[in-house]
Amino acid sequence: MDELNQKELQKAAGGLNADEPHCPKCRSKDLVLVGPVDIGTLPTYRCKACGYEWMLAL
């Protein structure tokens, strides 16, 4: 079995910017960080396009 190179892995994972946070609902990358960001708490994002809020798993 052939191993995938880095570009093929990135393409399979959703492109070169797949690790950037994006809205799980509308896929927009126009986000704002909301809520307190303390050590031990997960960051909460709000999408500026559709208003959806979610916690980003680390």
PDB file of N, CA and C in Angstrom:
ATOM      1  N   MET A   1       0.855  -1.183   0.000  1.00  0.00           N
ATOM      2  CA  MET A   1       0.000   0.000   0.000  1.00  0.00           C
ATOM      3  C   MET A   1       0.897   1.241   0.000  1.00  0.00           C
ATOM      4  N   ASP A   2       0.594   2.196  -0.854  1.00  0.00           N
ATOM      5  CA  ASP A   2       1.372   3.434  -0.934  1.00  0.00           C
ATOM      6  C   ASP A   2       0.981   4.365   0.197  1.00  0.00           C
ATOM      7  N   GLU A   3       1.975   5.043   0.727  1.00  0.00           N
ATOM      8  CA  GLU A   3       1.704   6.031   1.762  1.00  0.00           C
ATOM      9  C   GLU A   3       1.349   7.355   1.102  1.00  0.00           C
ATOM     10  N   LEU A   4       0.468   8.111   1.754  1.00  0.00           N
ATOM     11  CA  LEU A   4       0.074   9.415   1.231  1.00  0.00           C
ATOM     12  C   LEU A   4       1.126  10.446   1.586  1.00  0.00           C
ATOM     13  N   ASN A   5       1.417  11.338   0.656  1.00  0.00           N
ATOM     14  CA  ASN A   5       2.326  12.427   1.006  1.00  0.00           C
ATOM     15  C   ASN A   5       1.534  13.553   1.670  1.00  0.00           C
ATOM     16  N   GLN A   6       2.235  14.577   2.146  1.00  0.00           N
ATOM     17  CA  GLN A   6       1.595  15.648   2.923  1.00  0.00           C
ATOM     18  C   GLN A   6       0.496  16.357   2.144  1.00  0.00           C
ATOM     19  N   LYS A   7       0.709  16.670   0.864  1.00  0.00           N
ATOM     20  CA  LYS A   7      -0.314  17.364   0.084  1.00  0.00           C
ATOM     21  C   LYS A   7      -1.557  16.512  -0.101  1.00  0.00           C
ATOM     22  N   GLU A   8      -1.384  15.221  -0.306  1.00  0.00           N
ATOM     23  CA  GLU A   8      -2.540  14.330  -0.452  1.00  0.00           C
ATOM     24  C   GLU A   8      -3.302  14.234   0.863  1.00  0.00           C
ATOM     25  N   LEU A   9      -2.582  14.215   1.981  1.00  0.00           N
ATOM     26  CA  LEU A   9      -3.250  14.182   3.280  1.00  0.00           C
ATOM     27  C   LEU A   9      -4.055  15.454   3.512  1.00  0.00           C
ATOM     28  N   GLN A  10      -3.480  16.608   3.173  1.00  0.00           N
ATOM     29  CA  GLN A  10      -4.192  17.868   3.347  1.00  0.00           C
ATOM     30  C   GLN A  10      -5.418  17.927   2.445  1.00  0.00           C
ATOM     31  N   LYS A  11      -5.288  17.439   1.224  1.00  0.00           N
ATOM     32  CA  LYS A  11      -6.422  17.430   0.296  1.00  0.00           C
ATOM     33  C   LYS A  11      -7.536  16.534   0.824  1.00  0.00           C
ATOM     34  N   ALA A  12      -7.178  15.365   1.346  1.00  0.00           N
ATOM     35  CA  ALA A  12      -8.167  14.432   1.897  1.00  0.00           C
ATOM     36  C   ALA A  12      -8.827  15.001   3.141  1.00  0.00           C
ATOM     37  N   ALA A  13      -8.103  15.829   3.894  1.00  0.00           N
ATOM     38  CA  ALA A  13      -8.632  16.399   5.128  1.00  0.00           C
ATOM     39  C   ALA A  13      -9.458  17.655   4.884  1.00  0.00           C
ATOM     40  N   GLY A  14      -9.503  18.142   3.662  1.00  0.00           N
ATOM     41  CA  GLY A  14     -10.331  19.293   3.376  1.00  0.00           C
ATOM     42  C   GLY A  14      -9.584  20.484   2.830  1.00  0.00           C
ATOM     43  N   GLY A  15      -8.386  20.286   2.397  1.00  0.00           N
ATOM     44  CA  GLY A  15      -7.629  21.378   1.790  1.00  0.00           C
ATOM     45  C   GLY A  15      -6.488  21.838   2.657  1.00  0.00           C
ATOM     46  N   LEU A  16      -5.761  22.810   2.159  1.00  0.00           N
ATOM     47  CA  LEU A  16      -4.585  23.298   2.865  1.00  0.00           C
ATOM     48  C   LEU A  16      -4.938  24.035   4.148  1.00  0.00           C
ATOM     49  N   ASN A  17      -6.124  24.615   4.234  1.00  0.00           N
ATOM     50  CA  ASN A  17      -6.526  25.363   5.419  1.00  0.00           C
ATOM     51  C   ASN A  17      -7.531  24.593   6.265  1.00  0.00           C
ATOM     52  N   ALA A  18      -7.478  23.302   6.228  1.00  0.00           N
ATOM     53  CA  ALA A  18      -8.446  22.492   6.952  1.00  0.00           C
ATOM     54  C   ALA A  18      -8.326  22.653   8.460  1.00  0.00           C
ATOM     55  N   ASP A  19      -7.136  23.046   8.957  1.00  0.00           N
ATOM     56  CA  ASP A  19      -6.965  23.193  10.389  1.00  0.00           C
ATOM     57  C   ASP A  19      -7.445  24.544  10.904  1.00  0.00           C
ATOM     58  N   GLU A  20      -7.810  25.464  10.014  1.00  0.00           N
ATOM     59  CA  GLU A  20      -8.352  26.742  10.437  1.00  0.00           C
ATOM     60  C   GLU A  20      -9.787  26.545  10.915  1.00  0.00           C
ATOM     61  N   PRO A  21     -10.177  27.239  11.994  1.00  0.00           N
ATOM     62  CA  PRO A  21     -11.568  27.106  12.447  1.00  0.00           C
ATOM     63  C   PRO A  21     -12.544  27.666  11.421  1.00  0.00           C
ATOM     64  N   HIS A  22     -13.652  26.978  11.255  1.00  0.00           N
ATOM     65  CA  HIS A  22     -14.709  27.434  10.360  1.00  0.00           C
ATOM     66  C   HIS A  22     -16.041  26.993  10.947  1.00  0.00           C
ATOM     67  N   CYS A  23     -17.103  27.635  10.521  1.00  0.00           N
ATOM     68  CA  CYS A  23     -18.439  27.336  11.028  1.00  0.00           C
ATOM     69  C   CYS A  23     -18.867  25.933  10.583  1.00  0.00           C
ATOM     70  N   PRO A  24     -19.245  25.079  11.533  1.00  0.00           N
ATOM     71  CA  PRO A  24     -19.694  23.740  11.152  1.00  0.00           C
ATOM     72  C   PRO A  24     -21.047  23.749  10.443  1.00  0.00           C
ATOM     73  N   LYS A  25     -21.772  24.854  10.538  1.00  0.00           N
ATOM     74  CA  LYS A  25     -23.092  24.939   9.925  1.00  0.00           C
ATOM     75  C   LYS A  25     -23.028  25.462   8.493  1.00  0.00           C
ATOM     76  N   CYS A  26     -22.335  26.599   8.274  1.00  0.00           N
ATOM     77  CA  CYS A  26     -22.319  27.196   6.940  1.00  0.00           C
ATOM     78  C   CYS A  26     -20.927  27.236   6.314  1.00  0.00           C
ATOM     79  N   ARG A  27     -19.917  26.752   7.014  1.00  0.00           N
ATOM     80  CA  ARG A  27     -18.518  26.648   6.548  1.00  0.00           C
ATOM     81  C   ARG A  27     -17.809  27.992   6.383  1.00  0.00           C
ATOM     82  N   SER A  28     -18.399  29.083   6.873  1.00  0.00           N
ATOM     83  CA  SER A  28     -17.762  30.388   6.785  1.00  0.00           C
ATOM     84  C   SER A  28     -16.555  30.443   7.720  1.00  0.00           C
ATOM     85  N   LYS A  29     -15.543  31.205   7.344  1.00  0.00           N
ATOM     86  CA  LYS A  29     -14.379  31.403   8.202  1.00  0.00           C
ATOM     87  C   LYS A  29     -14.406  32.786   8.843  1.00  0.00           C
ATOM     88  N   ASP A  30     -15.529  33.489   8.699  1.00  0.00           N
ATOM     89  CA  ASP A  30     -15.705  34.806   9.295  1.00  0.00           C
ATOM     90  C   ASP A  30     -16.254  34.618  10.705  1.00  0.00           C
ATOM     91  N   LEU A  31     -15.343  34.428  11.678  1.00  0.00           N
ATOM     92  CA  LEU A  31     -15.725  34.066  13.037  1.00  0.00           C
ATOM     93  C   LEU A  31     -15.263  35.107  14.030  1.00  0.00           C
ATOM     94  N   VAL A  32     -15.903  35.092  15.194  1.00  0.00           N
ATOM     95  CA  VAL A  32     -15.487  35.930  16.303  1.00  0.00           C
ATOM     96  C   VAL A  32     -15.398  35.040  17.539  1.00  0.00           C
ATOM     97  N   LEU A  33     -14.368  35.244  18.342  1.00  0.00           N
ATOM     98  CA  LEU A  33     -14.193  34.501  19.582  1.00  0.00           C
ATOM     99  C   LEU A  33     -15.036  35.166  20.655  1.00  0.00           C
ATOM    100  N   VAL A  34     -15.917  34.409  21.301  1.00  0.00           N
ATOM    101  CA  VAL A  34     -16.798  34.960  22.330  1.00  0.00           C
ATOM    102  C   VAL A  34     -16.576  34.227  23.642  1.00  0.00           C
ATOM    103  N   GLY A  35     -17.016  34.828  24.710  1.00  0.00           N
ATOM    104  CA  GLY A  35     -16.922  34.194  26.012  1.00  0.00           C
ATOM    105  C   GLY A  35     -15.534  34.305  26.608  1.00  0.00           C
ATOM    106  N   PRO A  36     -15.422  33.975  27.868  1.00  0.00           N
ATOM    107  CA  PRO A  36     -14.110  34.048  28.516  1.00  0.00           C
ATOM    108  C   PRO A  36     -13.180  32.953  28.000  1.00  0.00           C
ATOM    109  N   VAL A  37     -11.934  33.314  27.832  1.00  0.00           N
ATOM    110  CA  VAL A  37     -10.927  32.343  27.412  1.00  0.00           C
ATOM    111  C   VAL A  37      -9.975  32.169  28.587  1.00  0.00           C
ATOM    112  N   ASP A  38     -10.245  31.174  29.398  1.00  0.00           N
ATOM    113  CA  ASP A  38      -9.426  30.875  30.565  1.00  0.00           C
ATOM    114  C   ASP A  38      -8.708  29.562  30.350  1.00  0.00           C
ATOM    115  N   ILE A  39      -7.660  29.357  31.105  1.00  0.00           N
ATOM    116  CA  ILE A  39      -6.946  28.088  31.038  1.00  0.00           C
ATOM    117  C   ILE A  39      -7.894  26.982  31.480  1.00  0.00           C
ATOM    118  N   GLY A  40      -8.008  25.950  30.677  1.00  0.00           N
ATOM    119  CA  GLY A  40      -8.860  24.819  31.009  1.00  0.00           C
ATOM    120  C   GLY A  40     -10.260  24.896  30.428  1.00  0.00           C
ATOM    121  N   THR A  41     -10.615  26.018  29.805  1.00  0.00           N
ATOM    122  CA  THR A  41     -11.936  26.117  29.170  1.00  0.00           C
ATOM    123  C   THR A  41     -11.760  26.104  27.655  1.00  0.00           C
ATOM    124  N   LEU A  42     -12.736  25.572  26.978  1.00  0.00           N
ATOM    125  CA  LEU A  42     -12.686  25.507  25.525  1.00  0.00           C
ATOM    126  C   LEU A  42     -13.113  26.835  24.919  1.00  0.00           C
ATOM    127  N   PRO A  43     -12.452  27.270  23.839  1.00  0.00           N
ATOM    128  CA  PRO A  43     -12.857  28.526  23.195  1.00  0.00           C
ATOM    129  C   PRO A  43     -14.223  28.386  22.528  1.00  0.00           C
ATOM    130  N   THR A  44     -15.026  29.426  22.638  1.00  0.00           N
ATOM    131  CA  THR A  44     -16.344  29.462  22.012  1.00  0.00           C
ATOM    132  C   THR A  44     -16.300  30.471  20.873  1.00  0.00           C
ATOM    133  N   TYR A  45     -16.790  30.050  19.714  1.00  0.00           N
ATOM    134  CA  TYR A  45     -16.805  30.899  18.527  1.00  0.00           C
ATOM    135  C   TYR A  45     -18.234  31.202  18.106  1.00  0.00           C
ATOM    136  N   ARG A  46     -18.416  32.362  17.445  1.00  0.00           N
ATOM    137  CA  ARG A  46     -19.699  32.725  16.834  1.00  0.00           C
ATOM    138  C   ARG A  46     -19.423  33.072  15.381  1.00  0.00           C
ATOM    139  N   CYS A  47     -20.240  32.518  14.504  1.00  0.00           N
ATOM    140  CA  CYS A  47     -20.126  32.788  13.076  1.00  0.00           C
ATOM    141  C   CYS A  47     -20.796  34.123  12.779  1.00  0.00           C
ATOM    142  N   LYS A  48     -20.073  35.014  12.101  1.00  0.00           N
ATOM    143  CA  LYS A  48     -20.644  36.312  11.731  1.00  0.00           C
ATOM    144  C   LYS A  48     -21.647  36.176  10.598  1.00  0.00           C
ATOM    145  N   ALA A  49     -21.533  35.108   9.802  1.00  0.00           N
ATOM    146  CA  ALA A  49     -22.426  34.926   8.656  1.00  0.00           C
ATOM    147  C   ALA A  49     -23.806  34.422   9.070  1.00  0.00           C
ATOM    148  N   CYS A  50     -23.862  33.404   9.940  1.00  0.00           N
ATOM    149  CA  CYS A  50     -25.168  32.812  10.284  1.00  0.00           C
ATOM    150  C   CYS A  50     -25.528  32.917  11.766  1.00  0.00           C
ATOM    151  N   GLY A  51     -24.583  33.345  12.621  1.00  0.00           N
ATOM    152  CA  GLY A  51     -24.882  33.519  14.034  1.00  0.00           C
ATOM    153  C   GLY A  51     -24.742  32.264  14.883  1.00  0.00           C
ATOM    154  N   TYR A  52     -24.347  31.156  14.299  1.00  0.00           N
ATOM    155  CA  TYR A  52     -24.210  29.897  15.026  1.00  0.00           C
ATOM    156  C   TYR A  52     -23.057  29.983  16.030  1.00  0.00           C
ATOM    157  N   GLU A  53     -23.238  29.444  17.243  1.00  0.00           N
ATOM    158  CA  GLU A  53     -22.187  29.415  18.263  1.00  0.00           C
ATOM    159  C   GLU A  53     -21.838  27.981  18.608  1.00  0.00           C
ATOM    160  N   TRP A  54     -20.553  27.723  18.840  1.00  0.00           N
ATOM    161  CA  TRP A  54     -20.102  26.380  19.205  1.00  0.00           C
ATOM    162  C   TRP A  54     -18.780  26.484  19.932  1.00  0.00           C
ATOM    163  N   MET A  55     -18.452  25.403  20.650  1.00  0.00           N
ATOM    164  CA  MET A  55     -17.171  25.312  21.325  1.00  0.00           C
ATOM    165  C   MET A  55     -16.214  24.525  20.450  1.00  0.00           C
ATOM    166  N   LEU A  56     -15.015  25.049  20.309  1.00  0.00           N
ATOM    167  CA  LEU A  56     -14.003  24.410  19.485  1.00  0.00           C
ATOM    168  C   LEU A  56     -13.209  23.437  20.343  1.00  0.00           C
ATOM    169  N   ALA A  57     -13.213  22.180  19.953  1.00  0.00           N
ATOM    170  CA  ALA A  57     -12.444  21.175  20.678  1.00  0.00           C
ATOM    171  C   ALA A  57     -10.965  21.361  20.377  1.00  0.00           C
ATOM    172  N   LEU A  58     -10.160  21.214  21.401  1.00  0.00           N
ATOM    173  CA  LEU A  58      -8.712  21.384  21.215  1.00  0.00           C
ATOM    174  C   LEU A  58      -8.046  20.112  20.827  1.00  0.00           C
TER     175      LEU A  58
END
